[in-house]
C-alpha cells in the first residue's frame, strides 16, 4: 500500500505540474515520504493554507513541501490529498 499510494501521489503532482506550469519544479520521494519543490519561495504560505484546511505538512527551506501521510491512506484519500495540496499551491502561487 505504501509503495502504490506514494506512486499515485507523486504521479498526481507530476500531472498537476504539467497542467499548471511555473508552480512545481520537482516531485520526489520514496514510499509515502514526498517532497514537492516549488518554483517560488513560498512553501511556508502553502503549509499555512493547508493547515487552515486541516492538512498537516512541513515547509523545508521555504521552497519544499514535505508530505508524510499515514501508511493506511486509501486511494481515495491519496487522490483527495493531491487535489487539496495542488489547490493550495495554486492559490499561493497566484497571490501577489
Protein backbone atom coordinates (compact mmCIF):
# COMPACT_ATOMS: atom_id res chain seq x y z
CA UNK A 1 0.00 0.00 0.00
CA UNK A 2 2.78 2.44 0.87
CA UNK A 3 4.52 2.00 -2.47
CA UNK A 4 1.29 2.14 -4.51
CA UNK A 5 -0.15 5.19 -2.75
CA UNK A 6 3.20 7.00 -2.89
CA UNK A 7 3.42 6.41 -6.64
CA UNK A 8 -0.17 7.64 -7.10
CA UNK A 9 0.51 10.82 -5.13
CA UNK A 10 3.76 11.59 -6.98
CA UNK A 11 2.05 10.92 -10.32
CA UNK A 12 -0.80 13.23 -9.35
CA UNK A 13 1.62 16.07 -8.62
CA UNK A 14 3.58 15.38 -11.80
CA UNK A 15 0.35 15.77 -13.76
CA UNK A 16 -0.50 18.94 -11.84
CA UNK A 17 2.96 20.35 -12.63
CA UNK A 18 2.25 19.87 -16.35
CA UNK A 19 -1.27 21.30 -16.12
CA UNK A 20 -0.16 24.33 -14.04
CA UNK A 21 3.31 25.25 -15.30
CA UNK A 22 5.52 27.54 -13.26
CA UNK A 23 4.44 26.25 -9.85
CA UNK A 24 6.24 22.93 -9.22
CA UNK A 25 9.89 22.37 -10.02
CA UNK A 26 10.21 18.74 -8.86
CA UNK A 27 8.34 15.96 -7.04
CA UNK A 28 10.45 13.37 -5.30
CA UNK A 29 10.33 10.85 -2.52
CA UNK A 30 10.14 7.25 -1.58
CA UNK A 31 7.05 5.48 -0.38
CA UNK A 32 4.83 7.99 1.38
CA UNK A 33 7.59 10.47 2.28
CA UNK A 34 7.14 13.00 -0.51
CA UNK A 35 8.83 16.32 -1.27
CA UNK A 36 7.31 18.88 -3.61
CA UNK A 37 9.82 21.52 -4.70
CA UNK A 38 8.15 24.76 -5.68
CA UNK A 39 9.28 27.29 -8.27
CA UNK A 40 8.67 30.09 -5.76
CA UNK A 41 9.92 30.51 -2.20
CA UNK A 42 6.52 30.45 -0.52
CA UNK A 43 6.34 26.95 0.95
CA UNK A 44 5.53 28.47 4.35
CA UNK A 45 2.45 30.15 2.90
CA UNK A 46 1.32 26.91 1.24
CA UNK A 47 1.73 24.99 4.52
CA UNK A 48 -0.25 27.68 6.38
CA UNK A 49 -3.00 27.41 3.75
CA UNK A 50 -3.04 23.64 4.15
CA UNK A 51 -3.15 23.85 7.95
CA UNK A 52 -6.25 26.04 7.74
CA UNK A 53 -7.84 23.28 5.66
CA UNK A 54 -6.87 20.56 8.14
CA UNK A 55 -3.90 19.11 6.24
CA UNK A 56 -0.54 18.82 8.00
CA UNK A 57 2.67 19.34 6.03
CA UNK A 58 6.11 20.84 6.60
CA UNK A 59 7.97 23.58 4.77
CA UNK A 60 11.64 22.82 4.13
CA UNK A 61 13.99 25.65 3.08
CA UNK A 62 10.89 27.70 2.12
CA UNK A 63 10.83 26.01 -1.29
CA UNK A 64 9.93 22.38 -0.48
CA UNK A 65 6.72 20.99 0.99
CA UNK A 66 7.14 17.68 2.78
CA UNK A 67 4.18 15.32 2.96
CA UNK A 68 4.14 12.21 5.13
CA UNK A 69 0.63 10.72 5.03
CA UNK A 70 -0.19 7.68 7.18
CA UNK A 71 0.65 4.23 5.88
CA UNK A 72 -3.03 3.27 5.87
CA UNK A 73 -4.06 6.02 3.42
CA UNK A 74 -6.57 4.82 0.84
CA UNK A 75 -6.51 5.54 -2.90
CA UNK A 76 -9.44 7.95 -2.49
CA UNK A 77 -7.70 9.77 0.34
CA UNK A 78 -4.48 9.99 -1.69
CA UNK A 79 -6.40 11.49 -4.60
CA UNK A 80 -8.08 14.00 -2.29
CA UNK A 81 -4.72 14.92 -0.76
CA UNK A 82 -3.31 15.70 -4.19
CA UNK A 83 -6.35 17.83 -5.00
CA UNK A 84 -6.17 19.80 -1.73
CA UNK A 85 -2.40 20.36 -1.83
CA UNK A 86 -2.48 21.30 -5.52
CA UNK A 87 -5.22 23.84 -4.83
CA UNK A 88 -3.15 25.37 -2.02
CA UNK A 89 -0.05 25.56 -4.23
CA UNK A 90 -2.09 27.20 -6.98
CA UNK A 91 -3.73 29.68 -4.58
CA UNK A 92 -0.42 30.77 -3.08
CA UNK A 93 1.37 30.81 -6.43
CA UNK A 94 -1.31 33.08 -7.89
CA UNK A 95 -1.19 35.52 -4.96
CA UNK A 96 0.85 38.70 -5.43
